[in-house]
Amino acid sequence: MNPQVLKEKLQILFEQIQNDGSPITNLKIDTNKAAEIEQLTVDLESLNPHPQPLQNATNLLNGAWQLQYSTAREIRTLDSLPLGLKVGRVYQVINIADKQFFNLAQVKHPWKIISGYVKVTASFEPAIDTSSVPDKRINVYFDKRYLAIDKIIGFNTPQLNPFKVVAANGPQGRVATLDITYLDETFRIGRGGDKSLFILNKADDLPQIMF
């Protein structure tokens, strides 16, 4: 099947489930929908135009991506934020030249009382396999987690942006890894070392937030 057809099927599914731009997790949907997404993902991965992206397609990784779907624990926990806050769009911005990226999750109260974001910075490097050639796996080293409130009842709050900065700890006892299992100009699939799934689209609407 054509990769474009599979991507369109996934996008239609995502829009049917949730159309506000926030990422879908497997906890939000029934098992049949989750299985359908997984099968479409596996089919798309089998048609990966860049099976060794760290050798010949790193330029495609660069820039801003928006998370569409994930089974990762750290994404699912965003569904249970305190004070009635709801997660909005989630982005990942990659700087290939510096081997750094950050994840940015917008959060807001449905009554527009408060809005802000959670940002996690990290660095990465290709994971070298037994052939000593970069393939599709990266090692991830988390750095800091920023918690910020940028508006309260419509007023900017620069003194709270950020209001807390803490170490962003990775998984205990191992280096976090991510396999890039599908990559083209507008679509990316990754699978974490804990078998978590990430599906992202290239983004062109990254919010203007001080980084």
N, C-alpha and C. Protein backbone atom coordinates (compact mmCIF):
# COMPACT_ATOMS: atom_id res chain seq x y z
N MET A 1 0.84 -1.19 0.00
CA MET A 1 0.00 0.00 0.00
C MET A 1 0.88 1.25 0.00
N ASN A 2 0.41 2.30 -0.62
CA ASN A 2 1.13 3.56 -0.68
C ASN A 2 1.26 4.18 0.72
N PRO A 3 2.47 4.66 1.09
CA PRO A 3 2.62 5.29 2.41
C PRO A 3 1.67 6.45 2.63
N GLN A 4 1.39 7.21 1.59
CA GLN A 4 0.51 8.36 1.74
C GLN A 4 -0.89 7.93 2.14
N VAL A 5 -1.34 6.82 1.61
CA VAL A 5 -2.67 6.30 1.96
C VAL A 5 -2.71 5.91 3.43
N LEU A 6 -1.65 5.26 3.91
CA LEU A 6 -1.60 4.86 5.31
C LEU A 6 -1.55 6.07 6.23
N LYS A 7 -0.78 7.07 5.85
CA LYS A 7 -0.71 8.30 6.66
C LYS A 7 -2.08 8.98 6.72
N GLU A 8 -2.76 9.01 5.59
CA GLU A 8 -4.08 9.64 5.56
C GLU A 8 -5.07 8.87 6.43
N LYS A 9 -4.98 7.54 6.42
CA LYS A 9 -5.87 6.74 7.27
C LYS A 9 -5.61 7.02 8.74
N LEU A 10 -4.34 7.12 9.11
CA LEU A 10 -4.01 7.44 10.50
C LEU A 10 -4.53 8.83 10.87
N GLN A 11 -4.35 9.80 9.98
CA GLN A 11 -4.79 11.14 10.27
C GLN A 11 -6.30 11.23 10.44
N ILE A 12 -7.02 10.51 9.60
CA ILE A 12 -8.48 10.47 9.71
C ILE A 12 -8.90 9.89 11.05
N LEU A 13 -8.23 8.81 11.46
CA LEU A 13 -8.51 8.20 12.76
C LEU A 13 -8.27 9.20 13.89
N PHE A 14 -7.14 9.90 13.84
CA PHE A 14 -6.81 10.85 14.89
C PHE A 14 -7.85 11.96 14.98
N GLU A 15 -8.28 12.45 13.83
CA GLU A 15 -9.26 13.55 13.81
C GLU A 15 -10.63 13.08 14.29
N GLN A 16 -10.95 11.82 14.03
CA GLN A 16 -12.22 11.27 14.52
C GLN A 16 -12.22 11.15 16.03
N ILE A 17 -11.06 10.83 16.59
CA ILE A 17 -10.96 10.63 18.04
C ILE A 17 -10.88 11.96 18.77
N GLN A 18 -10.07 12.88 18.22
CA GLN A 18 -9.81 14.14 18.92
C GLN A 18 -9.34 15.17 17.90
N ASN A 19 -9.96 16.33 17.87
CA ASN A 19 -9.61 17.30 16.83
C ASN A 19 -9.14 18.65 17.39
N ASP A 20 -8.71 18.67 18.67
CA ASP A 20 -8.26 19.94 19.24
C ASP A 20 -6.74 20.10 19.20
N GLY A 21 -6.06 19.15 18.58
CA GLY A 21 -4.61 19.26 18.45
C GLY A 21 -3.81 18.62 19.56
N SER A 22 -4.45 18.28 20.67
CA SER A 22 -3.71 17.62 21.76
C SER A 22 -3.45 16.17 21.39
N PRO A 23 -2.37 15.59 21.90
CA PRO A 23 -2.03 14.22 21.50
C PRO A 23 -3.02 13.20 22.05
N ILE A 24 -3.26 12.19 21.27
CA ILE A 24 -4.10 11.06 21.68
C ILE A 24 -3.20 10.02 22.34
N THR A 25 -3.69 9.40 23.40
CA THR A 25 -2.98 8.28 24.00
C THR A 25 -3.87 7.05 23.94
N ASN A 26 -3.25 5.90 24.09
CA ASN A 26 -4.02 4.66 24.03
C ASN A 26 -4.96 4.51 25.22
N LEU A 27 -4.78 5.32 26.27
CA LEU A 27 -5.71 5.28 27.41
C LEU A 27 -7.03 5.97 27.08
N LYS A 28 -7.04 6.83 26.05
CA LYS A 28 -8.24 7.59 25.71
C LYS A 28 -9.17 6.83 24.77
N ILE A 29 -8.72 5.72 24.22
CA ILE A 29 -9.49 5.05 23.17
C ILE A 29 -9.69 3.58 23.52
N ASP A 30 -10.64 2.95 22.84
CA ASP A 30 -10.88 1.53 23.12
C ASP A 30 -9.80 0.68 22.46
N THR A 31 -9.75 -0.56 22.87
CA THR A 31 -8.66 -1.43 22.43
C THR A 31 -8.71 -1.69 20.92
N ASN A 32 -9.88 -1.69 20.34
CA ASN A 32 -9.98 -1.91 18.90
C ASN A 32 -9.34 -0.77 18.12
N LYS A 33 -9.61 0.47 18.56
CA LYS A 33 -9.01 1.63 17.90
C LYS A 33 -7.49 1.60 18.07
N ALA A 34 -7.04 1.27 19.29
CA ALA A 34 -5.60 1.21 19.54
C ALA A 34 -4.94 0.15 18.66
N ALA A 35 -5.60 -0.98 18.49
CA ALA A 35 -5.07 -2.05 17.64
C ALA A 35 -5.03 -1.62 16.17
N GLU A 36 -6.05 -0.87 15.74
CA GLU A 36 -6.07 -0.38 14.37
C GLU A 36 -4.94 0.60 14.12
N ILE A 37 -4.70 1.49 15.07
CA ILE A 37 -3.60 2.44 14.94
C ILE A 37 -2.26 1.70 14.90
N GLU A 38 -2.11 0.72 15.78
CA GLU A 38 -0.87 -0.05 15.81
C GLU A 38 -0.63 -0.77 14.49
N GLN A 39 -1.66 -1.38 13.91
CA GLN A 39 -1.49 -2.11 12.66
C GLN A 39 -1.14 -1.17 11.51
N LEU A 40 -1.82 -0.04 11.43
CA LEU A 40 -1.49 0.94 10.39
C LEU A 40 -0.06 1.44 10.56
N THR A 41 0.36 1.61 11.81
CA THR A 41 1.72 2.06 12.09
C THR A 41 2.74 1.03 11.64
N VAL A 42 2.50 -0.22 11.97
CA VAL A 42 3.41 -1.30 11.56
C VAL A 42 3.49 -1.38 10.03
N ASP A 43 2.35 -1.25 9.36
CA ASP A 43 2.33 -1.27 7.90
C ASP A 43 3.14 -0.11 7.32
N LEU A 44 3.02 1.04 7.93
CA LEU A 44 3.76 2.21 7.45
C LEU A 44 5.26 2.05 7.71
N GLU A 45 5.60 1.51 8.87
CA GLU A 45 7.01 1.29 9.18
C GLU A 45 7.67 0.36 8.17
N SER A 46 6.90 -0.60 7.65
CA SER A 46 7.45 -1.54 6.67
C SER A 46 7.77 -0.86 5.34
N LEU A 47 7.25 0.36 5.14
CA LEU A 47 7.49 1.12 3.90
C LEU A 47 8.40 2.32 4.14
N ASN A 48 9.15 2.28 5.21
CA ASN A 48 10.02 3.40 5.59
C ASN A 48 10.99 3.74 4.45
N PRO A 49 10.92 4.97 3.91
CA PRO A 49 11.84 5.32 2.82
C PRO A 49 13.28 5.53 3.29
N HIS A 50 13.47 5.66 4.61
CA HIS A 50 14.81 5.88 5.16
C HIS A 50 15.04 4.92 6.33
N PRO A 51 15.28 3.64 6.04
CA PRO A 51 15.46 2.66 7.13
C PRO A 51 16.71 2.89 7.97
N GLN A 52 17.66 3.70 7.46
CA GLN A 52 18.84 4.07 8.23
C GLN A 52 18.92 5.60 8.28
N PRO A 53 17.98 6.22 8.97
CA PRO A 53 17.87 7.69 8.92
C PRO A 53 19.07 8.43 9.47
N LEU A 54 19.80 7.82 10.41
CA LEU A 54 20.95 8.51 10.98
C LEU A 54 22.15 8.52 10.06
N GLN A 55 22.07 7.75 8.97
CA GLN A 55 23.13 7.76 7.97
C GLN A 55 22.83 8.73 6.84
N ASN A 56 21.55 8.77 6.41
CA ASN A 56 21.29 9.49 5.16
C ASN A 56 20.09 10.42 5.19
N ALA A 57 19.50 10.66 6.36
CA ALA A 57 18.30 11.51 6.37
C ALA A 57 18.21 12.38 7.63
N THR A 58 19.35 12.70 8.24
CA THR A 58 19.28 13.50 9.47
C THR A 58 18.68 14.87 9.23
N ASN A 59 18.83 15.39 8.01
CA ASN A 59 18.27 16.71 7.72
C ASN A 59 16.76 16.73 7.85
N LEU A 60 16.11 15.58 7.63
CA LEU A 60 14.65 15.50 7.75
C LEU A 60 14.20 15.59 9.20
N LEU A 61 15.08 15.22 10.13
CA LEU A 61 14.72 15.26 11.55
C LEU A 61 14.67 16.68 12.08
N ASN A 62 15.43 17.56 11.47
CA ASN A 62 15.60 18.91 12.01
C ASN A 62 14.30 19.69 12.00
N GLY A 63 14.08 20.51 13.05
CA GLY A 63 12.93 21.39 13.08
C GLY A 63 11.88 20.96 14.09
N ALA A 64 10.67 21.50 13.92
CA ALA A 64 9.58 21.32 14.88
C ALA A 64 8.62 20.24 14.43
N TRP A 65 8.22 19.40 15.38
CA TRP A 65 7.27 18.31 15.14
C TRP A 65 6.15 18.40 16.17
N GLN A 66 4.94 18.02 15.75
CA GLN A 66 3.81 17.99 16.68
C GLN A 66 3.41 16.54 16.94
N LEU A 67 3.28 16.21 18.21
CA LEU A 67 2.91 14.85 18.60
C LEU A 67 1.42 14.62 18.35
N GLN A 68 1.11 13.54 17.62
CA GLN A 68 -0.27 13.18 17.32
C GLN A 68 -0.79 12.05 18.21
N TYR A 69 0.08 11.08 18.48
CA TYR A 69 -0.37 9.88 19.22
C TYR A 69 0.83 9.31 19.97
N SER A 70 0.57 8.78 21.18
CA SER A 70 1.64 8.14 21.93
C SER A 70 1.07 7.15 22.94
N THR A 71 1.85 6.13 23.23
CA THR A 71 1.53 5.19 24.30
C THR A 71 2.49 5.36 25.48
N ALA A 72 3.34 6.40 25.43
CA ALA A 72 4.37 6.58 26.45
C ALA A 72 3.76 7.03 27.78
N ARG A 73 4.34 6.54 28.87
CA ARG A 73 3.85 6.87 30.20
C ARG A 73 3.89 8.37 30.45
N GLU A 74 4.99 9.03 30.03
CA GLU A 74 5.12 10.46 30.32
C GLU A 74 4.09 11.30 29.57
N ILE A 75 3.59 10.80 28.46
CA ILE A 75 2.53 11.50 27.74
C ILE A 75 1.17 11.19 28.36
N ARG A 76 0.97 9.96 28.75
CA ARG A 76 -0.32 9.59 29.35
C ARG A 76 -0.55 10.30 30.68
N THR A 77 0.53 10.59 31.42
CA THR A 77 0.34 11.28 32.70
C THR A 77 -0.16 12.72 32.50
N LEU A 78 0.02 13.27 31.31
CA LEU A 78 -0.49 14.61 31.04
C LEU A 78 -2.02 14.65 31.02
N ASP A 79 -2.65 13.48 30.95
CA ASP A 79 -4.11 13.42 30.98
C ASP A 79 -4.67 13.63 32.38
N SER A 80 -3.81 13.67 33.39
CA SER A 80 -4.30 13.81 34.77
C SER A 80 -3.57 14.94 35.48
N LEU A 81 -3.57 16.13 34.86
CA LEU A 81 -2.93 17.29 35.46
C LEU A 81 -3.78 17.83 36.61
N PRO A 82 -3.15 18.50 37.59
CA PRO A 82 -3.92 19.05 38.72
C PRO A 82 -4.66 20.33 38.34
N LEU A 83 -5.52 20.78 39.25
CA LEU A 83 -6.22 22.07 39.16
C LEU A 83 -7.11 22.20 37.93
N GLY A 84 -7.52 21.07 37.37
CA GLY A 84 -8.39 21.12 36.21
C GLY A 84 -7.69 21.48 34.91
N LEU A 85 -6.36 21.53 34.91
CA LEU A 85 -5.62 21.87 33.71
C LEU A 85 -5.69 20.75 32.68
N LYS A 86 -5.71 21.13 31.42
CA LYS A 86 -5.76 20.18 30.32
C LYS A 86 -4.55 20.39 29.41
N VAL A 87 -4.03 19.30 28.90
CA VAL A 87 -2.91 19.41 27.98
C VAL A 87 -3.41 19.86 26.62
N GLY A 88 -2.64 20.74 25.99
CA GLY A 88 -2.94 21.17 24.64
C GLY A 88 -1.99 20.49 23.66
N ARG A 89 -1.50 21.26 22.71
CA ARG A 89 -0.58 20.70 21.73
C ARG A 89 0.76 20.37 22.37
N VAL A 90 1.39 19.33 21.86
CA VAL A 90 2.70 18.90 22.34
C VAL A 90 3.67 18.90 21.15
N TYR A 91 4.79 19.57 21.34
CA TYR A 91 5.76 19.71 20.26
C TYR A 91 7.11 19.13 20.67
N GLN A 92 7.88 18.76 19.65
CA GLN A 92 9.29 18.43 19.84
C GLN A 92 10.08 19.22 18.80
N VAL A 93 11.09 19.93 19.26
CA VAL A 93 11.92 20.75 18.37
C VAL A 93 13.34 20.21 18.42
N ILE A 94 13.85 19.80 17.26
CA ILE A 94 15.15 19.13 17.16
C ILE A 94 16.16 20.05 16.49
N ASN A 95 17.34 20.14 17.11
CA ASN A 95 18.47 20.87 16.53
C ASN A 95 19.56 19.84 16.24
N ILE A 96 19.64 19.43 14.99
CA ILE A 96 20.58 18.37 14.61
C ILE A 96 22.03 18.83 14.79
N ALA A 97 22.31 20.07 14.43
CA ALA A 97 23.69 20.56 14.49
C ALA A 97 24.26 20.48 15.91
N ASP A 98 23.43 20.81 16.91
CA ASP A 98 23.87 20.80 18.31
C ASP A 98 23.54 19.49 19.04
N LYS A 99 22.85 18.58 18.35
CA LYS A 99 22.43 17.31 18.95
C LYS A 99 21.62 17.55 20.23
N GLN A 100 20.66 18.46 20.10
CA GLN A 100 19.79 18.79 21.23
C GLN A 100 18.34 18.85 20.75
N PHE A 101 17.42 18.68 21.69
CA PHE A 101 16.01 18.89 21.39
C PHE A 101 15.30 19.29 22.67
N PHE A 102 14.08 19.80 22.50
CA PHE A 102 13.23 19.99 23.67
C PHE A 102 11.81 19.56 23.32
N ASN A 103 11.12 19.08 24.34
CA ASN A 103 9.70 18.75 24.25
C ASN A 103 8.92 19.86 24.95
N LEU A 104 7.84 20.28 24.34
CA LEU A 104 7.05 21.37 24.88
C LEU A 104 5.58 20.99 24.89
N ALA A 105 4.97 20.94 26.07
CA ALA A 105 3.55 20.63 26.21
C ALA A 105 2.81 21.86 26.70
N GLN A 106 1.88 22.35 25.90
CA GLN A 106 1.04 23.46 26.34
C GLN A 106 -0.01 22.95 27.32
N VAL A 107 -0.29 23.72 28.35
CA VAL A 107 -1.35 23.37 29.30
C VAL A 107 -2.24 24.59 29.52
N LYS A 108 -3.50 24.34 29.75
CA LYS A 108 -4.44 25.45 29.95
C LYS A 108 -5.66 24.97 30.72
N HIS A 109 -6.33 25.91 31.36
CA HIS A 109 -7.58 25.61 32.02
C HIS A 109 -8.71 25.84 31.02
N PRO A 110 -9.69 24.93 30.97
CA PRO A 110 -10.77 25.11 29.98
C PRO A 110 -11.54 26.41 30.13
N TRP A 111 -11.52 27.03 31.31
CA TRP A 111 -12.21 28.32 31.50
C TRP A 111 -11.29 29.50 31.22
N LYS A 112 -10.08 29.22 30.69
CA LYS A 112 -9.10 30.26 30.33
C LYS A 112 -8.63 31.06 31.55
N ILE A 113 -8.66 30.40 32.72
CA ILE A 113 -8.17 31.05 33.93
C ILE A 113 -6.65 31.13 33.92
N ILE A 114 -6.03 30.10 33.42
CA ILE A 114 -4.57 29.99 33.50
C ILE A 114 -4.07 29.22 32.29
N SER A 115 -2.89 29.58 31.81
CA SER A 115 -2.25 28.81 30.74
C SER A 115 -0.75 28.82 30.96
N GLY A 116 -0.09 27.82 30.45
CA GLY A 116 1.35 27.72 30.61
C GLY A 116 1.90 26.58 29.79
N TYR A 117 3.04 26.07 30.22
CA TYR A 117 3.64 24.97 29.48
C TYR A 117 4.62 24.20 30.37
N VAL A 118 4.92 23.00 29.93
CA VAL A 118 5.98 22.18 30.51
C VAL A 118 6.99 21.94 29.41
N LYS A 119 8.23 22.23 29.67
CA LYS A 119 9.29 22.02 28.67
C LYS A 119 10.38 21.14 29.26
N VAL A 120 10.83 20.18 28.47
CA VAL A 120 11.93 19.30 28.88
C VAL A 120 13.03 19.40 27.84
N THR A 121 14.24 19.71 28.28
CA THR A 121 15.38 19.79 27.37
C THR A 121 16.20 18.51 27.46
N ALA A 122 16.89 18.21 26.37
CA ALA A 122 17.67 16.98 26.33
C ALA A 122 18.72 17.07 25.22
N SER A 123 19.71 16.21 25.31
CA SER A 123 20.68 16.04 24.23
C SER A 123 20.59 14.59 23.76
N PHE A 124 21.19 14.32 22.61
CA PHE A 124 21.12 12.96 22.08
C PHE A 124 22.37 12.67 21.26
N GLU A 125 22.58 11.40 20.99
CA GLU A 125 23.67 10.97 20.13
C GLU A 125 23.27 9.67 19.46
N PRO A 126 23.80 9.39 18.29
CA PRO A 126 23.50 8.10 17.66
C PRO A 126 24.01 6.95 18.52
N ALA A 127 23.22 5.92 18.63
CA ALA A 127 23.66 4.71 19.33
C ALA A 127 24.40 3.84 18.31
N ILE A 128 25.65 3.57 18.58
CA ILE A 128 26.47 2.81 17.63
C ILE A 128 26.29 1.32 17.89
N ASP A 129 25.93 0.58 16.84
CA ASP A 129 25.73 -0.87 16.99
C ASP A 129 27.05 -1.60 16.77
N THR A 130 26.97 -2.90 16.66
CA THR A 130 28.19 -3.72 16.54
C THR A 130 28.96 -3.42 15.27
N SER A 131 28.31 -2.88 14.25
CA SER A 131 29.00 -2.54 13.01
C SER A 131 29.65 -1.16 13.07
N SER A 132 29.48 -0.47 14.22
CA SER A 132 30.04 0.87 14.44
C SER A 132 29.51 1.89 13.44
N VAL A 133 28.29 1.67 12.97
CA VAL A 133 27.67 2.59 12.01
C VAL A 133 26.33 3.06 12.57
N PRO A 134 26.09 4.37 12.62
CA PRO A 134 24.77 4.85 13.08
C PRO A 134 23.66 4.30 12.20
N ASP A 135 22.55 3.94 12.80
CA ASP A 135 21.47 3.32 12.04
C ASP A 135 20.18 4.10 12.26
N LYS A 136 19.38 3.66 13.23
CA LYS A 136 18.11 4.33 13.49
C LYS A 136 17.89 4.62 14.97
N ARG A 137 18.81 4.21 15.83
CA ARG A 137 18.63 4.37 17.28
C ARG A 137 19.46 5.53 17.81
N ILE A 138 18.82 6.33 18.67
CA ILE A 138 19.55 7.39 19.37
C ILE A 138 19.48 7.14 20.87
N ASN A 139 20.55 7.54 21.55
CA ASN A 139 20.55 7.59 23.01
C ASN A 139 20.13 8.99 23.44
N VAL A 140 19.28 9.07 24.45
CA VAL A 140 18.71 10.33 24.88
C VAL A 140 19.15 10.62 26.32
N TYR A 141 19.62 11.86 26.55
CA TYR A 141 20.08 12.28 27.88
C TYR A 141 19.26 13.50 28.28
N PHE A 142 18.31 13.30 29.18
CA PHE A 142 17.44 14.39 29.61
C PHE A 142 18.20 15.36 30.50
N ASP A 143 17.86 16.63 30.40
CA ASP A 143 18.59 17.67 31.12
C ASP A 143 17.70 18.34 32.17
N LYS A 144 16.85 19.28 31.75
CA LYS A 144 16.05 20.04 32.71
C LYS A 144 14.57 20.03 32.32
N ARG A 145 13.74 20.21 33.36
CA ARG A 145 12.29 20.34 33.17
C ARG A 145 11.88 21.73 33.66
N TYR A 146 11.21 22.46 32.79
CA TYR A 146 10.76 23.82 33.10
C TYR A 146 9.24 23.82 33.23
N LEU A 147 8.75 24.39 34.32
CA LEU A 147 7.31 24.56 34.53
C LEU A 147 7.02 26.06 34.47
N ALA A 148 6.06 26.44 33.65
CA ALA A 148 5.82 27.86 33.44
C ALA A 148 4.34 28.18 33.38
N ILE A 149 3.98 29.34 33.91
CA ILE A 149 2.65 29.94 33.74
C ILE A 149 2.86 31.22 32.94
N ASP A 150 2.28 31.30 31.76
CA ASP A 150 2.49 32.51 30.96
C ASP A 150 1.32 33.49 31.01
N LYS A 151 0.13 33.01 31.43
CA LYS A 151 -1.00 33.92 31.54
C LYS A 151 -1.93 33.49 32.68
N ILE A 152 -2.46 34.46 33.39
CA ILE A 152 -3.52 34.24 34.38
C ILE A 152 -4.63 35.21 34.06
N ILE A 153 -5.82 34.68 33.84
CA ILE A 153 -7.01 35.43 33.40
C ILE A 153 -6.66 36.48 32.34
N GLY A 154 -5.86 36.05 31.38
CA GLY A 154 -5.56 36.89 30.24
C GLY A 154 -4.36 37.80 30.39
N PHE A 155 -3.77 37.89 31.58
CA PHE A 155 -2.64 38.77 31.81
C PHE A 155 -1.33 37.99 31.75
N ASN A 156 -0.34 38.54 31.07
CA ASN A 156 0.97 37.91 30.99
C ASN A 156 1.62 37.87 32.37
N THR A 157 2.33 36.79 32.65
CA THR A 157 2.97 36.62 33.96
C THR A 157 4.44 36.23 33.75
N PRO A 158 5.27 37.17 33.28
CA PRO A 158 6.68 36.85 33.02
C PRO A 158 7.43 36.38 34.26
N GLN A 159 6.98 36.81 35.45
CA GLN A 159 7.65 36.40 36.68
C GLN A 159 7.44 34.91 36.98
N LEU A 160 6.48 34.30 36.32
CA LEU A 160 6.21 32.87 36.51
C LEU A 160 6.62 32.03 35.30
N ASN A 161 7.42 32.62 34.43
CA ASN A 161 7.77 31.97 33.16
C ASN A 161 9.29 31.87 33.01
N PRO A 162 9.90 30.80 33.60
CA PRO A 162 9.28 29.69 34.33
C PRO A 162 9.23 30.00 35.82
N PHE A 163 8.42 29.24 36.55
CA PHE A 163 8.39 29.38 38.01
C PHE A 163 9.13 28.24 38.70
N LYS A 164 9.53 27.23 37.94
CA LYS A 164 10.26 26.10 38.54
C LYS A 164 11.11 25.43 37.47
N VAL A 165 12.35 25.14 37.83
CA VAL A 165 13.27 24.41 36.94
C VAL A 165 13.90 23.30 37.77
N VAL A 166 13.76 22.06 37.31
CA VAL A 166 14.28 20.91 38.04
C VAL A 166 15.01 19.99 37.06
N ALA A 167 15.78 19.08 37.60
CA ALA A 167 16.44 18.09 36.75
C ALA A 167 15.39 17.17 36.13
N ALA A 168 15.59 16.86 34.86
CA ALA A 168 14.69 15.93 34.17
C ALA A 168 15.37 14.57 34.13
N ASN A 169 14.99 13.72 35.03
CA ASN A 169 15.66 12.44 35.15
C ASN A 169 15.17 11.44 34.11
N GLY A 170 16.10 10.69 33.55
CA GLY A 170 15.75 9.62 32.64
C GLY A 170 15.41 8.35 33.40
N PRO A 171 15.16 7.26 32.68
CA PRO A 171 14.82 6.00 33.35
C PRO A 171 15.98 5.50 34.20
N GLN A 172 15.68 4.97 35.37
CA GLN A 172 16.71 4.50 36.28
C GLN A 172 17.37 3.24 35.74
N GLY A 173 18.69 3.21 35.82
CA GLY A 173 19.42 2.01 35.48
C GLY A 173 19.68 1.78 34.01
N ARG A 174 19.27 2.70 33.15
CA ARG A 174 19.54 2.51 31.72
C ARG A 174 19.51 3.86 31.02
N VAL A 175 20.10 3.87 29.84
CA VAL A 175 20.05 5.06 28.99
C VAL A 175 18.78 5.00 28.16
N ALA A 176 18.05 6.10 28.13
CA ALA A 176 16.84 6.16 27.32
C ALA A 176 17.22 6.09 25.84
N THR A 177 16.47 5.31 25.07
CA THR A 177 16.74 5.19 23.63
C THR A 177 15.46 5.41 22.85
N LEU A 178 15.64 5.75 21.58
CA LEU A 178 14.51 5.90 20.67
C LEU A 178 14.92 5.39 19.30
N ASP A 179 14.13 4.50 18.74
CA ASP A 179 14.34 4.03 17.38
C ASP A 179 13.45 4.83 16.43
N ILE A 180 14.03 5.42 15.41
CA ILE A 180 13.27 6.14 14.39
C ILE A 180 12.86 5.12 13.34
N THR A 181 11.61 4.70 13.37
CA THR A 181 11.16 3.57 12.55
C THR A 181 10.46 3.99 11.26
N TYR A 182 10.13 5.27 11.15
CA TYR A 182 9.63 5.81 9.88
C TYR A 182 9.96 7.29 9.84
N LEU A 183 10.41 7.76 8.67
CA LEU A 183 10.75 9.17 8.54
C LEU A 183 10.62 9.61 7.09
N ASP A 184 9.83 10.66 6.88
CA ASP A 184 9.84 11.35 5.59
C ASP A 184 9.78 12.85 5.86
N GLU A 185 9.45 13.64 4.85
CA GLU A 185 9.50 15.09 5.00
C GLU A 185 8.48 15.63 5.99
N THR A 186 7.38 14.91 6.21
CA THR A 186 6.29 15.45 7.03
C THR A 186 5.81 14.51 8.13
N PHE A 187 6.37 13.32 8.24
CA PHE A 187 5.81 12.31 9.15
C PHE A 187 6.94 11.53 9.79
N ARG A 188 6.78 11.23 11.09
CA ARG A 188 7.82 10.49 11.81
C ARG A 188 7.19 9.55 12.81
N ILE A 189 7.74 8.36 12.91
CA ILE A 189 7.34 7.37 13.92
C ILE A 189 8.58 6.98 14.71
N GLY A 190 8.44 6.91 16.03
CA GLY A 190 9.52 6.47 16.87
C GLY A 190 9.03 5.47 17.91
N ARG A 191 9.92 4.58 18.31
CA ARG A 191 9.60 3.59 19.35
C ARG A 191 10.69 3.64 20.41
N GLY A 192 10.25 3.87 21.65
CA GLY A 192 11.18 4.00 22.76
C GLY A 192 11.71 2.65 23.22
N GLY A 193 12.75 2.72 24.06
CA GLY A 193 13.32 1.49 24.59
C GLY A 193 12.36 0.73 25.48
N ASP A 194 11.32 1.40 25.98
CA ASP A 194 10.29 0.74 26.78
C ASP A 194 9.09 0.33 25.94
N LYS A 195 9.29 0.27 24.61
CA LYS A 195 8.26 -0.14 23.63
C LYS A 195 7.18 0.92 23.42
N SER A 196 7.37 2.12 23.95
CA SER A 196 6.38 3.18 23.74
C SER A 196 6.43 3.66 22.29
N LEU A 197 5.30 4.16 21.83
CA LEU A 197 5.13 4.58 20.45
C LEU A 197 4.89 6.09 20.39
N PHE A 198 5.52 6.74 19.41
CA PHE A 198 5.33 8.17 19.18
C PHE A 198 5.07 8.38 17.69
N ILE A 199 3.98 9.08 17.37
CA ILE A 199 3.68 9.43 15.98
C ILE A 199 3.57 10.95 15.89
N LEU A 200 4.34 11.55 14.98
CA LEU A 200 4.42 13.01 14.90
C LEU A 200 4.29 13.49 13.46
N ASN A 201 3.76 14.70 13.31
CA ASN A 201 3.73 15.40 12.04
C ASN A 201 4.66 16.59 12.10
N LYS A 202 5.25 16.96 10.97
CA LYS A 202 6.05 18.18 10.92
C LYS A 202 5.15 19.38 11.21
N ALA A 203 5.62 20.28 12.05
CA ALA A 203 4.79 21.39 12.51
C ALA A 203 5.24 22.70 11.86
N ASP A 204 4.27 23.56 11.58
CA ASP A 204 4.60 24.89 11.06
C ASP A 204 3.95 25.99 11.90
N ASP A 205 3.46 25.62 13.09
CA ASP A 205 2.74 26.59 13.92
C ASP A 205 3.25 26.60 15.36
N LEU A 206 4.57 26.41 15.53
CA LEU A 206 5.13 26.41 16.88
C LEU A 206 4.87 27.74 17.55
N PRO A 207 4.32 27.73 18.77
CA PRO A 207 4.03 29.00 19.45
C PRO A 207 5.29 29.78 19.77
N GLN A 208 5.14 31.09 19.79
CA GLN A 208 6.27 31.98 20.09
C GLN A 208 6.46 32.06 21.60
N ILE A 209 7.26 31.15 22.12
CA ILE A 209 7.54 31.09 23.56
C ILE A 209 9.04 31.29 23.74
N MET A 210 9.40 32.01 24.78
CA MET A 210 10.81 32.24 25.04
C MET A 210 11.48 30.91 25.40
N PHE A 211 12.51 30.58 24.65
CA PHE A 211 13.24 29.36 24.91
C PHE A 211 14.63 29.68 25.45
